[in-house]
Each structure stands twice: as C-alpha cells, then as structure tokens.
Amino acid sequence: MKILVFAVSMLLCASAPAAELAGPDLRAALIGQTIQWWEDGGWHAGNLSLLPDGRAEITIESPRPQRDAGRWSISGNRLCTAWSSLRGRETKCYSLERAGPDRFVTSGGNVFVIISAGV
C-alpha cells in the first residue's frame, strides 16, 4: 500500500505544470552561474555567464562561433539581457520555468543547464 501511495504521489508531482520562476528565484538560481544553453530544436548553442555585478558573457558555439558581452537585469519575473553586438543591442526579456534541479526552459525557447557555480 505504501508503494502505491508513493507511486501515485510521484505521478501527480511529475504531471503538475511547471511554474514560472519569480524574480528572487531567478536571481538565486542563475546569477553567479555558468550556464550551457541551446535552442530547443534549434541550431544555436553555447554558454552564458551571469555575473553578480550585472555583467553577462555569452558564447555561441554553433552554428558559427561567436562571443559577446553585455548586461543582465531582472524585470519582475523576467530575465533580461542586452548584448554589445548580438540582436542589434536590443534588450530581450524571458520568463523561465524549472525543468529539473539544474535545468530551465525560457519563454524564448531556450534550454538552460547550470554547469558550474561561482563565476
């Protein structure tokens, strides 16, 4: 009986919809981290560092290697980035949902995986 109750509770937890991270949760989960990212089903992939002082660094490994530096901010429940040259310096903001202990999915279709802390 205990096993059945445990299995049912795990199933219910697994099927619950993911919730959008709040601003403080975004800060706690992502800032000071090195993040591997890729477009879900896309060609772009690379690494992202969100430094505690508001600076951001990005590498794009595919389809063509690039790197850029910029700034990050949190606006409400959204992570915003602006790059020195990528995206024409336009600021874009995304909400994120947790998809695992160190995995997140953005409203822009990117997957983030924490690969190291303390940048």
PDB file of N, CA and C in Angstrom:
ATOM      1  N   MET A   1       0.819  -1.192   0.000  1.00  0.00           N
ATOM      2  CA  MET A   1       0.000   0.000   0.000  1.00  0.00           C
ATOM      3  C   MET A   1       0.865   1.259   0.000  1.00  0.00           C
ATOM      4  N   LYS A   2       1.933   1.263   0.831  1.00  0.00           N
ATOM      5  CA  LYS A   2       2.822   2.427   0.877  1.00  0.00           C
ATOM      6  C   LYS A   2       3.449   2.686  -0.477  1.00  0.00           C
ATOM      7  N   ILE A   3       3.821   1.621  -1.180  1.00  0.00           N
ATOM      8  CA  ILE A   3       4.435   1.778  -2.500  1.00  0.00           C
ATOM      9  C   ILE A   3       3.443   2.389  -3.467  1.00  0.00           C
ATOM     10  N   LEU A   4       2.188   1.965  -3.437  1.00  0.00           N
ATOM     11  CA  LEU A   4       1.162   2.515  -4.312  1.00  0.00           C
ATOM     12  C   LEU A   4       0.948   3.993  -4.026  1.00  0.00           C
ATOM     13  N   VAL A   5       0.863   4.384  -2.775  1.00  0.00           N
ATOM     14  CA  VAL A   5       0.676   5.789  -2.410  1.00  0.00           C
ATOM     15  C   VAL A   5       1.867   6.608  -2.888  1.00  0.00           C
ATOM     16  N   PHE A   6       3.078   6.085  -2.698  1.00  0.00           N
ATOM     17  CA  PHE A   6       4.282   6.780  -3.143  1.00  0.00           C
ATOM     18  C   PHE A   6       4.270   6.946  -4.661  1.00  0.00           C
ATOM     19  N   ALA A   7       3.932   5.890  -5.391  1.00  0.00           N
ATOM     20  CA  ALA A   7       3.911   5.941  -6.857  1.00  0.00           C
ATOM     21  C   ALA A   7       2.892   6.953  -7.354  1.00  0.00           C
ATOM     22  N   VAL A   8       1.715   6.971  -6.751  1.00  0.00           N
ATOM     23  CA  VAL A   8       0.681   7.921  -7.160  1.00  0.00           C
ATOM     24  C   VAL A   8       1.128   9.349  -6.866  1.00  0.00           C
ATOM     25  N   SER A   9       1.733   9.584  -5.701  1.00  0.00           N
ATOM     26  CA  SER A   9       2.177  10.941  -5.374  1.00  0.00           C
ATOM     27  C   SER A   9       3.284  11.393  -6.314  1.00  0.00           C
ATOM     28  N   MET A  10       4.188  10.500  -6.709  1.00  0.00           N
ATOM     29  CA  MET A  10       5.247  10.854  -7.660  1.00  0.00           C
ATOM     30  C   MET A  10       4.652  11.177  -9.022  1.00  0.00           C
ATOM     31  N   LEU A  11       3.658  10.424  -9.444  1.00  0.00           N
ATOM     32  CA  LEU A  11       2.999  10.673 -10.717  1.00  0.00           C
ATOM     33  C   LEU A  11       2.316  12.029 -10.711  1.00  0.00           C
ATOM     34  N   LEU A  12       1.618  12.356  -9.649  1.00  0.00           N
ATOM     35  CA  LEU A  12       0.941  13.646  -9.556  1.00  0.00           C
ATOM     36  C   LEU A  12       1.939  14.794  -9.551  1.00  0.00           C
ATOM     37  N   CYS A  13       3.056  14.649  -8.864  1.00  0.00           N
ATOM     38  CA  CYS A  13       4.086  15.693  -8.847  1.00  0.00           C
ATOM     39  C   CYS A  13       4.708  15.853 -10.225  1.00  0.00           C
ATOM     40  N   ALA A  14       4.951  14.760 -10.911  1.00  0.00           N
ATOM     41  CA  ALA A  14       5.590  14.819 -12.216  1.00  0.00           C
ATOM     42  C   ALA A  14       4.682  15.440 -13.261  1.00  0.00           C
ATOM     43  N   SER A  15       3.377  15.290 -13.110  1.00  0.00           N
ATOM     44  CA  SER A  15       2.473  15.814 -14.128  1.00  0.00           C
ATOM     45  C   SER A  15       1.991  17.222 -13.821  1.00  0.00           C
ATOM     46  N   ALA A  16       2.370  17.775 -12.679  1.00  0.00           N
ATOM     47  CA  ALA A  16       1.961  19.140 -12.344  1.00  0.00           C
ATOM     48  C   ALA A  16       2.645  20.114 -13.293  1.00  0.00           C
ATOM     49  N   PRO A  17       1.936  21.143 -13.742  1.00  0.00           N
ATOM     50  CA  PRO A  17       2.541  22.096 -14.665  1.00  0.00           C
ATOM     51  C   PRO A  17       3.675  22.846 -13.980  1.00  0.00           C
ATOM     52  N   ALA A  18       4.714  23.138 -14.764  1.00  0.00           N
ATOM     53  CA  ALA A  18       5.846  23.889 -14.233  1.00  0.00           C
ATOM     54  C   ALA A  18       5.411  25.327 -13.991  1.00  0.00           C
ATOM     55  N   ALA A  19       5.926  25.914 -12.942  1.00  0.00           N
ATOM     56  CA  ALA A  19       5.566  27.282 -12.601  1.00  0.00           C
ATOM     57  C   ALA A  19       6.682  28.235 -13.024  1.00  0.00           C
ATOM     58  N   GLU A  20       6.292  29.409 -13.459  1.00  0.00           N
ATOM     59  CA  GLU A  20       7.239  30.455 -13.821  1.00  0.00           C
ATOM     60  C   GLU A  20       8.001  30.887 -12.564  1.00  0.00           C
ATOM     61  N   LEU A  21       9.316  31.027 -12.678  1.00  0.00           N
ATOM     62  CA  LEU A  21      10.122  31.449 -11.540  1.00  0.00           C
ATOM     63  C   LEU A  21       9.878  32.925 -11.252  1.00  0.00           C
ATOM     64  N   ALA A  22       9.785  33.266  -9.972  1.00  0.00           N
ATOM     65  CA  ALA A  22       9.656  34.661  -9.544  1.00  0.00           C
ATOM     66  C   ALA A  22      11.036  35.307  -9.594  1.00  0.00           C
ATOM     67  N   GLY A  23      11.078  36.631  -9.616  1.00  0.00           N
ATOM     68  CA  GLY A  23      12.330  37.378  -9.696  1.00  0.00           C
ATOM     69  C   GLY A  23      13.384  36.937  -8.703  1.00  0.00           C
ATOM     70  N   PRO A  24      13.064  36.834  -7.401  1.00  0.00           N
ATOM     71  CA  PRO A  24      14.084  36.388  -6.435  1.00  0.00           C
ATOM     72  C   PRO A  24      14.575  34.965  -6.710  1.00  0.00           C
ATOM     73  N   ASP A  25      13.691  34.107  -7.216  1.00  0.00           N
ATOM     74  CA  ASP A  25      14.088  32.736  -7.547  1.00  0.00           C
ATOM     75  C   ASP A  25      15.005  32.708  -8.767  1.00  0.00           C
ATOM     76  N   LEU A  26      14.743  33.593  -9.736  1.00  0.00           N
ATOM     77  CA  LEU A  26      15.632  33.716 -10.895  1.00  0.00           C
ATOM     78  C   LEU A  26      17.033  34.094 -10.428  1.00  0.00           C
ATOM     79  N   ARG A  27      17.097  35.103  -9.572  1.00  0.00           N
ATOM     80  CA  ARG A  27      18.380  35.575  -9.063  1.00  0.00           C
ATOM     81  C   ARG A  27      19.121  34.450  -8.339  1.00  0.00           C
ATOM     82  N   ALA A  28      18.435  33.745  -7.455  1.00  0.00           N
ATOM     83  CA  ALA A  28      19.063  32.674  -6.682  1.00  0.00           C
ATOM     84  C   ALA A  28      19.523  31.518  -7.575  1.00  0.00           C
ATOM     85  N   ALA A  29      18.765  31.204  -8.598  1.00  0.00           N
ATOM     86  CA  ALA A  29      19.067  30.042  -9.438  1.00  0.00           C
ATOM     87  C   ALA A  29      20.134  30.311 -10.495  1.00  0.00           C
ATOM     88  N   LEU A  30      20.188  31.530 -11.047  1.00  0.00           N
ATOM     89  CA  LEU A  30      21.002  31.767 -12.236  1.00  0.00           C
ATOM     90  C   LEU A  30      22.205  32.686 -12.047  1.00  0.00           C
ATOM     91  N   ILE A  31      22.123  33.637 -11.138  1.00  0.00           N
ATOM     92  CA  ILE A  31      23.181  34.637 -11.040  1.00  0.00           C
ATOM     93  C   ILE A  31      24.404  34.037 -10.359  1.00  0.00           C
ATOM     94  N   GLY A  32      25.571  34.287 -10.962  1.00  0.00           N
ATOM     95  CA  GLY A  32      26.810  33.708 -10.478  1.00  0.00           C
ATOM     96  C   GLY A  32      27.052  32.315 -11.020  1.00  0.00           C
ATOM     97  N   GLN A  33      26.288  31.923 -12.021  1.00  0.00           N
ATOM     98  CA  GLN A  33      26.377  30.576 -12.588  1.00  0.00           C
ATOM     99  C   GLN A  33      26.930  30.627 -14.009  1.00  0.00           C
ATOM    100  N   THR A  34      27.525  29.525 -14.416  1.00  0.00           N
ATOM    101  CA  THR A  34      27.837  29.311 -15.824  1.00  0.00           C
ATOM    102  C   THR A  34      26.775  28.360 -16.349  1.00  0.00           C
ATOM    103  N   ILE A  35      26.179  28.745 -17.447  1.00  0.00           N
ATOM    104  CA  ILE A  35      25.008  28.052 -17.986  1.00  0.00           C
ATOM    105  C   ILE A  35      25.303  27.564 -19.398  1.00  0.00           C
ATOM    106  N   GLN A  36      25.048  26.305 -19.637  1.00  0.00           N
ATOM    107  CA  GLN A  36      25.071  25.794 -21.003  1.00  0.00           C
ATOM    108  C   GLN A  36      23.668  26.010 -21.555  1.00  0.00           C
ATOM    109  N   TRP A  37      23.552  26.509 -22.771  1.00  0.00           N
ATOM    110  CA  TRP A  37      22.227  26.779 -23.327  1.00  0.00           C
ATOM    111  C   TRP A  37      22.153  26.264 -24.758  1.00  0.00           C
ATOM    112  N   TRP A  38      20.938  26.018 -25.200  1.00  0.00           N
ATOM    113  CA  TRP A  38      20.666  25.693 -26.600  1.00  0.00           C
ATOM    114  C   TRP A  38      19.225  26.028 -26.893  1.00  0.00           C
ATOM    115  N   GLU A  39      18.967  26.271 -28.172  1.00  0.00           N
ATOM    116  CA  GLU A  39      17.591  26.479 -28.619  1.00  0.00           C
ATOM    117  C   GLU A  39      16.929  25.123 -28.686  1.00  0.00           C
ATOM    118  N   ASP A  40      15.774  25.008 -28.071  1.00  0.00           N
ATOM    119  CA  ASP A  40      15.039  23.750 -28.116  1.00  0.00           C
ATOM    120  C   ASP A  40      14.670  23.468 -29.567  1.00  0.00           C
ATOM    121  N   GLY A  41      15.277  22.447 -30.154  1.00  0.00           N
ATOM    122  CA  GLY A  41      15.010  22.088 -31.540  1.00  0.00           C
ATOM    123  C   GLY A  41      15.728  22.971 -32.540  1.00  0.00           C
ATOM    124  N   GLY A  42      16.617  23.846 -32.073  1.00  0.00           N
ATOM    125  CA  GLY A  42      17.296  24.775 -32.974  1.00  0.00           C
ATOM    126  C   GLY A  42      18.766  24.466 -33.163  1.00  0.00           C
ATOM    127  N   TRP A  43      19.423  25.361 -33.860  1.00  0.00           N
ATOM    128  CA  TRP A  43      20.820  25.169 -34.215  1.00  0.00           C
ATOM    129  C   TRP A  43      21.766  25.907 -33.281  1.00  0.00           C
ATOM    130  N   HIS A  44      21.295  26.890 -32.560  1.00  0.00           N
ATOM    131  CA  HIS A  44      22.173  27.703 -31.723  1.00  0.00           C
ATOM    132  C   HIS A  44      22.414  27.026 -30.371  1.00  0.00           C
ATOM    133  N   ALA A  45      23.666  27.099 -29.918  1.00  0.00           N
ATOM    134  CA  ALA A  45      24.039  26.544 -28.622  1.00  0.00           C
ATOM    135  C   ALA A  45      25.295  27.258 -28.146  1.00  0.00           C
ATOM    136  N   GLY A  46      25.504  27.255 -26.820  1.00  0.00           N
ATOM    137  CA  GLY A  46      26.711  27.874 -26.286  1.00  0.00           C
ATOM    138  C   GLY A  46      26.688  27.914 -24.778  1.00  0.00           C
ATOM    139  N   ASN A  47      27.400  28.904 -24.225  1.00  0.00           N
ATOM    140  CA  ASN A  47      27.484  29.091 -22.781  1.00  0.00           C
ATOM    141  C   ASN A  47      27.136  30.534 -22.429  1.00  0.00           C
ATOM    142  N   LEU A  48      26.656  30.719 -21.223  1.00  0.00           N
ATOM    143  CA  LEU A  48      26.230  32.014 -20.727  1.00  0.00           C
ATOM    144  C   LEU A  48      26.686  32.153 -19.287  1.00  0.00           C
ATOM    145  N   SER A  49      27.287  33.296 -18.954  1.00  0.00           N
ATOM    146  CA  SER A  49      27.658  33.595 -17.573  1.00  0.00           C
ATOM    147  C   SER A  49      26.960  34.874 -17.152  1.00  0.00           C
ATOM    148  N   LEU A  50      26.264  34.816 -16.026  1.00  0.00           N
ATOM    149  CA  LEU A  50      25.568  35.970 -15.460  1.00  0.00           C
ATOM    150  C   LEU A  50      26.303  36.354 -14.185  1.00  0.00           C
ATOM    151  N   LEU A  51      27.128  37.382 -14.262  1.00  0.00           N
ATOM    152  CA  LEU A  51      27.965  37.764 -13.136  1.00  0.00           C
ATOM    153  C   LEU A  51      27.186  38.588 -12.120  1.00  0.00           C
ATOM    154  N   PRO A  52      27.550  38.481 -10.847  1.00  0.00           N
ATOM    155  CA  PRO A  52      26.803  39.175  -9.795  1.00  0.00           C
ATOM    156  C   PRO A  52      26.739  40.696  -9.946  1.00  0.00           C
ATOM    157  N   ASP A  53      27.693  41.290 -10.666  1.00  0.00           N
ATOM    158  CA  ASP A  53      27.712  42.752 -10.824  1.00  0.00           C
ATOM    159  C   ASP A  53      26.870  43.260 -11.996  1.00  0.00           C
ATOM    160  N   GLY A  54      26.098  42.379 -12.645  1.00  0.00           N
ATOM    161  CA  GLY A  54      25.227  42.790 -13.746  1.00  0.00           C
ATOM    162  C   GLY A  54      25.826  42.576 -15.122  1.00  0.00           C
ATOM    163  N   ARG A  55      27.081  42.168 -15.193  1.00  0.00           N
ATOM    164  CA  ARG A  55      27.681  41.867 -16.490  1.00  0.00           C
ATOM    165  C   ARG A  55      27.262  40.468 -16.934  1.00  0.00           C
ATOM    166  N   ALA A  56      27.236  40.281 -18.237  1.00  0.00           N
ATOM    167  CA  ALA A  56      26.907  38.980 -18.813  1.00  0.00           C
ATOM    168  C   ALA A  56      27.880  38.681 -19.941  1.00  0.00           C
ATOM    169  N   GLU A  57      28.201  37.416 -20.094  1.00  0.00           N
ATOM    170  CA  GLU A  57      29.071  36.970 -21.176  1.00  0.00           C
ATOM    171  C   GLU A  57      28.407  35.782 -21.848  1.00  0.00           C
ATOM    172  N   ILE A  58      28.463  35.776 -23.177  1.00  0.00           N
ATOM    173  CA  ILE A  58      27.837  34.684 -23.924  1.00  0.00           C
ATOM    174  C   ILE A  58      28.789  34.190 -24.999  1.00  0.00           C
ATOM    175  N   THR A  59      28.788  32.874 -25.186  1.00  0.00           N
ATOM    176  CA  THR A  59      29.451  32.276 -26.338  1.00  0.00           C
ATOM    177  C   THR A  59      28.389  31.531 -27.125  1.00  0.00           C
ATOM    178  N   ILE A  60      28.551  31.578 -28.415  1.00  0.00           N
ATOM    179  CA  ILE A  60      27.710  30.784 -29.315  1.00  0.00           C
ATOM    180  C   ILE A  60      28.664  29.818 -29.992  1.00  0.00           C
ATOM    181  N   GLU A  61      28.448  28.542 -29.773  1.00  0.00           N
ATOM    182  CA  GLU A  61      29.334  27.518 -30.326  1.00  0.00           C
ATOM    183  C   GLU A  61      28.880  27.057 -31.707  1.00  0.00           C
ATOM    184  N   SER A  62      27.582  27.078 -31.943  1.00  0.00           N
ATOM    185  CA  SER A  62      27.061  26.656 -33.241  1.00  0.00           C
ATOM    186  C   SER A  62      25.873  27.545 -33.599  1.00  0.00           C
ATOM    187  N   PRO A  63      25.604  27.788 -34.826  1.00  0.00           N
ATOM    188  CA  PRO A  63      26.259  27.198 -35.984  1.00  0.00           C
ATOM    189  C   PRO A  63      27.601  27.859 -36.331  1.00  0.00           C
ATOM    190  N   ARG A  64      27.861  29.074 -35.836  1.00  0.00           N
ATOM    191  CA  ARG A  64      29.101  29.797 -36.119  1.00  0.00           C
ATOM    192  C   ARG A  64      29.617  30.368 -34.806  1.00  0.00           C
ATOM    193  N   PRO A  65      30.856  30.041 -34.419  1.00  0.00           N
ATOM    194  CA  PRO A  65      31.371  30.522 -33.139  1.00  0.00           C
ATOM    195  C   PRO A  65      31.367  32.053 -33.038  1.00  0.00           C
ATOM    196  N   GLN A  66      30.829  32.543 -31.922  1.00  0.00           N
ATOM    197  CA  GLN A  66      30.786  33.975 -31.624  1.00  0.00           C
ATOM    198  C   GLN A  66      30.879  34.142 -30.121  1.00  0.00           C
ATOM    199  N   ARG A  67      31.242  35.355 -29.696  1.00  0.00           N
ATOM    200  CA  ARG A  67      31.164  35.675 -28.277  1.00  0.00           C
ATOM    201  C   ARG A  67      30.812  37.142 -28.166  1.00  0.00           C
ATOM    202  N   ASP A  68      30.176  37.465 -27.046  1.00  0.00           N
ATOM    203  CA  ASP A  68      29.766  38.849 -26.818  1.00  0.00           C
ATOM    204  C   ASP A  68      29.681  39.077 -25.314  1.00  0.00           C
ATOM    205  N   ALA A  69      29.671  40.323 -24.948  1.00  0.00           N
ATOM    206  CA  ALA A  69      29.498  40.719 -23.553  1.00  0.00           C
ATOM    207  C   ALA A  69      28.357  41.720 -23.499  1.00  0.00           C
ATOM    208  N   GLY A  70      27.717  41.794 -22.351  1.00  0.00           N
ATOM    209  CA  GLY A  70      26.601  42.719 -22.204  1.00  0.00           C
ATOM    210  C   GLY A  70      26.204  42.832 -20.748  1.00  0.00           C
ATOM    211  N   ARG A  71      24.916  43.074 -20.537  1.00  0.00           N
ATOM    212  CA  ARG A  71      24.368  43.267 -19.199  1.00  0.00           C
ATOM    213  C   ARG A  71      23.125  42.402 -19.036  1.00  0.00           C
ATOM    214  N   TRP A  72      22.879  41.994 -17.811  1.00  0.00           N
ATOM    215  CA  TRP A  72      21.638  41.299 -17.471  1.00  0.00           C
ATOM    216  C   TRP A  72      20.908  42.125 -16.421  1.00  0.00           C
ATOM    217  N   SER A  73      19.599  41.917 -16.344  1.00  0.00           N
ATOM    218  CA  SER A  73      18.782  42.503 -15.283  1.00  0.00           C
ATOM    219  C   SER A  73      17.568  41.606 -15.083  1.00  0.00           C
ATOM    220  N   ILE A  74      16.894  41.828 -13.972  1.00  0.00           N
ATOM    221  CA  ILE A  74      15.645  41.116 -13.719  1.00  0.00           C
ATOM    222  C   ILE A  74      14.551  42.164 -13.641  1.00  0.00           C
ATOM    223  N   SER A  75      13.541  41.977 -14.459  1.00  0.00           N
ATOM    224  CA  SER A  75      12.397  42.882 -14.502  1.00  0.00           C
ATOM    225  C   SER A  75      11.153  42.071 -14.149  1.00  0.00           C
ATOM    226  N   GLY A  76      10.655  42.279 -12.940  1.00  0.00           N
ATOM    227  CA  GLY A  76       9.523  41.470 -12.477  1.00  0.00           C
ATOM    228  C   GLY A  76       9.950  40.021 -12.362  1.00  0.00           C
ATOM    229  N   ASN A  77       9.319  39.149 -13.140  1.00  0.00           N
ATOM    230  CA  ASN A  77       9.643  37.725 -13.152  1.00  0.00           C
ATOM    231  C   ASN A  77      10.352  37.329 -14.440  1.00  0.00           C
ATOM    232  N   ARG A  78      11.069  38.285 -15.023  1.00  0.00           N
ATOM    233  CA  ARG A  78      11.721  38.011 -16.310  1.00  0.00           C
ATOM    234  C   ARG A  78      13.198  38.354 -16.260  1.00  0.00           C
ATOM    235  N   LEU A  79      14.015  37.484 -16.864  1.00  0.00           N
ATOM    236  CA  LEU A  79      15.442  37.714 -17.011  1.00  0.00           C
ATOM    237  C   LEU A  79      15.646  38.470 -18.315  1.00  0.00           C
ATOM    238  N   CYS A  80      16.348  39.586 -18.248  1.00  0.00           N
ATOM    239  CA  CYS A  80      16.585  40.419 -19.424  1.00  0.00           C
ATOM    240  C   CYS A  80      18.076  40.460 -19.732  1.00  0.00           C
ATOM    241  N   THR A  81      18.421  40.428 -21.021  1.00  0.00           N
ATOM    242  CA  THR A  81      19.806  40.570 -21.452  1.00  0.00           C
ATOM    243  C   THR A  81      19.877  41.554 -22.610  1.00  0.00           C
ATOM    244  N   ALA A  82      20.978  42.292 -22.656  1.00  0.00           N
ATOM    245  CA  ALA A  82      21.302  43.174 -23.772  1.00  0.00           C
ATOM    246  C   ALA A  82      22.774  42.944 -24.084  1.00  0.00           C
ATOM    247  N   TRP A  83      23.101  42.747 -25.352  1.00  0.00           N
ATOM    248  CA  TRP A  83      24.461  42.419 -25.769  1.00  0.00           C
ATOM    249  C   TRP A  83      25.077  43.580 -26.525  1.00  0.00           C
ATOM    250  N   SER A  84      26.404  43.650 -26.536  1.00  0.00           N
ATOM    251  CA  SER A  84      27.116  44.726 -27.219  1.00  0.00           C
ATOM    252  C   SER A  84      26.882  44.705 -28.717  1.00  0.00           C
ATOM    253  N   SER A  85      26.787  43.508 -29.318  1.00  0.00           N
ATOM    254  CA  SER A  85      26.561  43.444 -30.762  1.00  0.00           C
ATOM    255  C   SER A  85      25.433  42.500 -31.163  1.00  0.00           C
ATOM    256  N   LEU A  86      25.226  41.417 -30.421  1.00  0.00           N
ATOM    257  CA  LEU A  86      24.164  40.480 -30.783  1.00  0.00           C
ATOM    258  C   LEU A  86      22.795  41.137 -30.682  1.00  0.00           C
ATOM    259  N   ARG A  87      21.883  40.725 -31.523  1.00  0.00           N
ATOM    260  CA  ARG A  87      20.486  41.207 -31.535  1.00  0.00           C
ATOM    261  C   ARG A  87      20.411  42.718 -31.702  1.00  0.00           C
ATOM    262  N   GLY A  88      21.412  43.316 -32.295  1.00  0.00           N
ATOM    263  CA  GLY A  88      21.385  44.760 -32.518  1.00  0.00           C
ATOM    264  C   GLY A  88      21.298  45.567 -31.233  1.00  0.00           C
ATOM    265  N   ARG A  89      21.862  45.024 -30.138  1.00  0.00           N
ATOM    266  CA  ARG A  89      21.870  45.663 -28.816  1.00  0.00           C
ATOM    267  C   ARG A  89      20.493  45.778 -28.182  1.00  0.00           C
ATOM    268  N   GLU A  90      19.511  45.136 -28.765  1.00  0.00           N
ATOM    269  CA  GLU A  90      18.145  45.181 -28.236  1.00  0.00           C
ATOM    270  C   GLU A  90      18.052  44.356 -26.951  1.00  0.00           C
ATOM    271  N   THR A  91      17.389  44.904 -25.935  1.00  0.00           N
ATOM    272  CA  THR A  91      17.147  44.165 -24.695  1.00  0.00           C
ATOM    273  C   THR A  91      15.969  43.222 -24.915  1.00  0.00           C
ATOM    274  N   LYS A  92      16.169  41.968 -24.546  1.00  0.00           N
ATOM    275  CA  LYS A  92      15.085  40.984 -24.597  1.00  0.00           C
ATOM    276  C   LYS A  92      14.935  40.362 -23.227  1.00  0.00           C
ATOM    277  N   CYS A  93      13.684  40.095 -22.864  1.00  0.00           N
ATOM    278  CA  CYS A  93      13.365  39.539 -21.553  1.00  0.00           C
ATOM    279  C   CYS A  93      12.576  38.252 -21.716  1.00  0.00           C
ATOM    280  N   TYR A  94      12.866  37.287 -20.832  1.00  0.00           N
ATOM    281  CA  TYR A  94      12.219  35.987 -20.893  1.00  0.00           C
ATOM    282  C   TYR A  94      11.827  35.521 -19.505  1.00  0.00           C
ATOM    283  N   SER A  95      10.706  34.857 -19.412  1.00  0.00           N
ATOM    284  CA  SER A  95      10.367  34.151 -18.179  1.00  0.00           C
ATOM    285  C   SER A  95      11.012  32.772 -18.268  1.00  0.00           C
ATOM    286  N   LEU A  96      11.204  32.153 -17.121  1.00  0.00           N
ATOM    287  CA  LEU A  96      11.801  30.820 -17.069  1.00  0.00           C
ATOM    288  C   LEU A  96      10.984  29.909 -16.183  1.00  0.00           C
ATOM    289  N   GLU A  97      10.946  28.646 -16.567  1.00  0.00           N
ATOM    290  CA  GLU A  97      10.316  27.604 -15.755  1.00  0.00           C
ATOM    291  C   GLU A  97      11.379  26.568 -15.425  1.00  0.00           C
ATOM    292  N   ARG A  98      11.328  26.043 -14.215  1.00  0.00           N
ATOM    293  CA  ARG A  98      12.262  24.997 -13.805  1.00  0.00           C
ATOM    294  C   ARG A  98      11.828  23.689 -14.465  1.00  0.00           C
ATOM    295  N   ALA A  99      12.791  22.997 -15.088  1.00  0.00           N
ATOM    296  CA  ALA A  99      12.514  21.722 -15.745  1.00  0.00           C
ATOM    297  C   ALA A  99      13.313  20.590 -15.109  1.00  0.00           C
ATOM    298  N   GLY A 100      13.961  20.862 -13.995  1.00  0.00           N
ATOM    299  CA  GLY A 100      14.768  19.882 -13.278  1.00  0.00           C
ATOM    300  C   GLY A 100      15.605  20.627 -12.261  1.00  0.00           C
ATOM    301  N   PRO A 101      16.423  19.925 -11.484  1.00  0.00           N
ATOM    302  CA  PRO A 101      17.203  20.585 -10.433  1.00  0.00           C
ATOM    303  C   PRO A 101      18.103  21.710 -10.966  1.00  0.00           C
ATOM    304  N   ASP A 102      18.757  21.500 -12.092  1.00  0.00           N
ATOM    305  CA  ASP A 102      19.658  22.497 -12.678  1.00  0.00           C
ATOM    306  C   ASP A 102      19.288  22.802 -14.121  1.00  0.00           C
ATOM    307  N   ARG A 103      18.020  22.648 -14.466  1.00  0.00           N
ATOM    308  CA  ARG A 103      17.574  22.806 -15.853  1.00  0.00           C
ATOM    309  C   ARG A 103      16.368  23.741 -15.882  1.00  0.00           C
ATOM    310  N   PHE A 104      16.361  24.663 -16.873  1.00  0.00           N
ATOM    311  CA  PHE A 104      15.309  25.650 -17.014  1.00  0.00           C
ATOM    312  C   PHE A 104      14.946  25.786 -18.485  1.00  0.00           C
ATOM    313  N   VAL A 105      13.708  26.172 -18.755  1.00  0.00           N
ATOM    314  CA  VAL A 105      13.249  26.435 -20.108  1.00  0.00           C
ATOM    315  C   VAL A 105      12.758  27.877 -20.140  1.00  0.00           C
ATOM    316  N   THR A 106      13.219  28.636 -21.146  1.00  0.00           N
ATOM    317  CA  THR A 106      12.822  30.040 -21.248  1.00  0.00           C
ATOM    318  C   THR A 106      11.603  30.190 -22.142  1.00  0.00           C
ATOM    319  N   SER A 107      10.899  31.289 -21.974  1.00  0.00           N
ATOM    320  CA  SER A 107       9.744  31.576 -22.830  1.00  0.00           C
ATOM    321  C   SER A 107      10.179  31.842 -24.265  1.00  0.00           C
ATOM    322  N   GLY A 108      11.471  32.061 -24.497  1.00  0.00           N
ATOM    323  CA  GLY A 108      12.001  32.260 -25.845  1.00  0.00           C
ATOM    324  C   GLY A 108      12.410  30.965 -26.530  1.00  0.00           C
ATOM    325  N   GLY A 109      12.219  29.819 -25.862  1.00  0.00           N
ATOM    326  CA  GLY A 109      12.519  28.535 -26.485  1.00  0.00           C
ATOM    327  C   GLY A 109      13.929  28.025 -26.236  1.00  0.00           C
ATOM    328  N   ASN A 110      14.641  28.593 -25.261  1.00  0.00           N
ATOM    329  CA  ASN A 110      15.978  28.108 -24.935  1.00  0.00           C
ATOM    330  C   ASN A 110      15.921  27.206 -23.716  1.00  0.00           C
ATOM    331  N   VAL A 111      16.862  26.270 -23.669  1.00  0.00           N
ATOM    332  CA  VAL A 111      17.038  25.415 -22.507  1.00  0.00           C
ATOM    333  C   VAL A 111      18.329  25.867 -21.827  1.00  0.00           C
ATOM    334  N   PHE A 112      18.286  26.073 -20.522  1.00  0.00           N
ATOM    335  CA  PHE A 112      19.448  26.447 -19.714  1.00  0.00           C
ATOM    336  C   PHE A 112      19.771  25.284 -18.771  1.00  0.00           C
ATOM    337  N   VAL A 113      21.042  24.909 -18.694  1.00  0.00           N
ATOM    338  CA  VAL A 113      21.504  23.904 -17.741  1.00  0.00           C
ATOM    339  C   VAL A 113      22.688  24.498 -16.988  1.00  0.00           C
ATOM    340  N   ILE A 114      22.595  24.538 -15.667  1.00  0.00           N
ATOM    341  CA  ILE A 114      23.687  25.046 -14.838  1.00  0.00           C
ATOM    342  C   ILE A 114      24.840  24.041 -14.924  1.00  0.00           C
ATOM    343  N   ILE A 115      26.031  24.527 -15.316  1.00  0.00           N
ATOM    344  CA  ILE A 115      27.173  23.611 -15.392  1.00  0.00           C
ATOM    345  C   ILE A 115      28.229  23.915 -14.351  1.00  0.00           C
ATOM    346  N   SER A 116      28.235  25.130 -13.790  1.00  0.00           N
ATOM    347  CA  SER A 116      29.157  25.426 -12.687  1.00  0.00           C
ATOM    348  C   SER A 116      28.718  26.694 -11.981  1.00  0.00           C
ATOM    349  N   ALA A 117      29.114  26.795 -10.728  1.00  0.00           N
ATOM    350  CA  ALA A 117      28.762  27.951  -9.924  1.00  0.00           C
ATOM    351  C   ALA A 117      29.999  28.782  -9.641  1.00  0.00           C
ATOM    352  N   GLY A 118      29.750  30.015  -9.217  1.00  0.00           N
ATOM    353  CA  GLY A 118      30.824  30.846  -8.734  1.00  0.00           C
ATOM    354  C   GLY A 118      31.599  31.608  -9.779  1.00  0.00           C
ATOM    355  N   VAL A 119      30.939  32.077 -10.828  1.00  0.00           N
ATOM    356  CA  VAL A 119      31.640  32.894 -11.821  1.00  0.00           C
ATOM    357  C   VAL A 119      31.826  34.301 -11.303  1.00  0.00           C
TER     358      VAL A 119
END
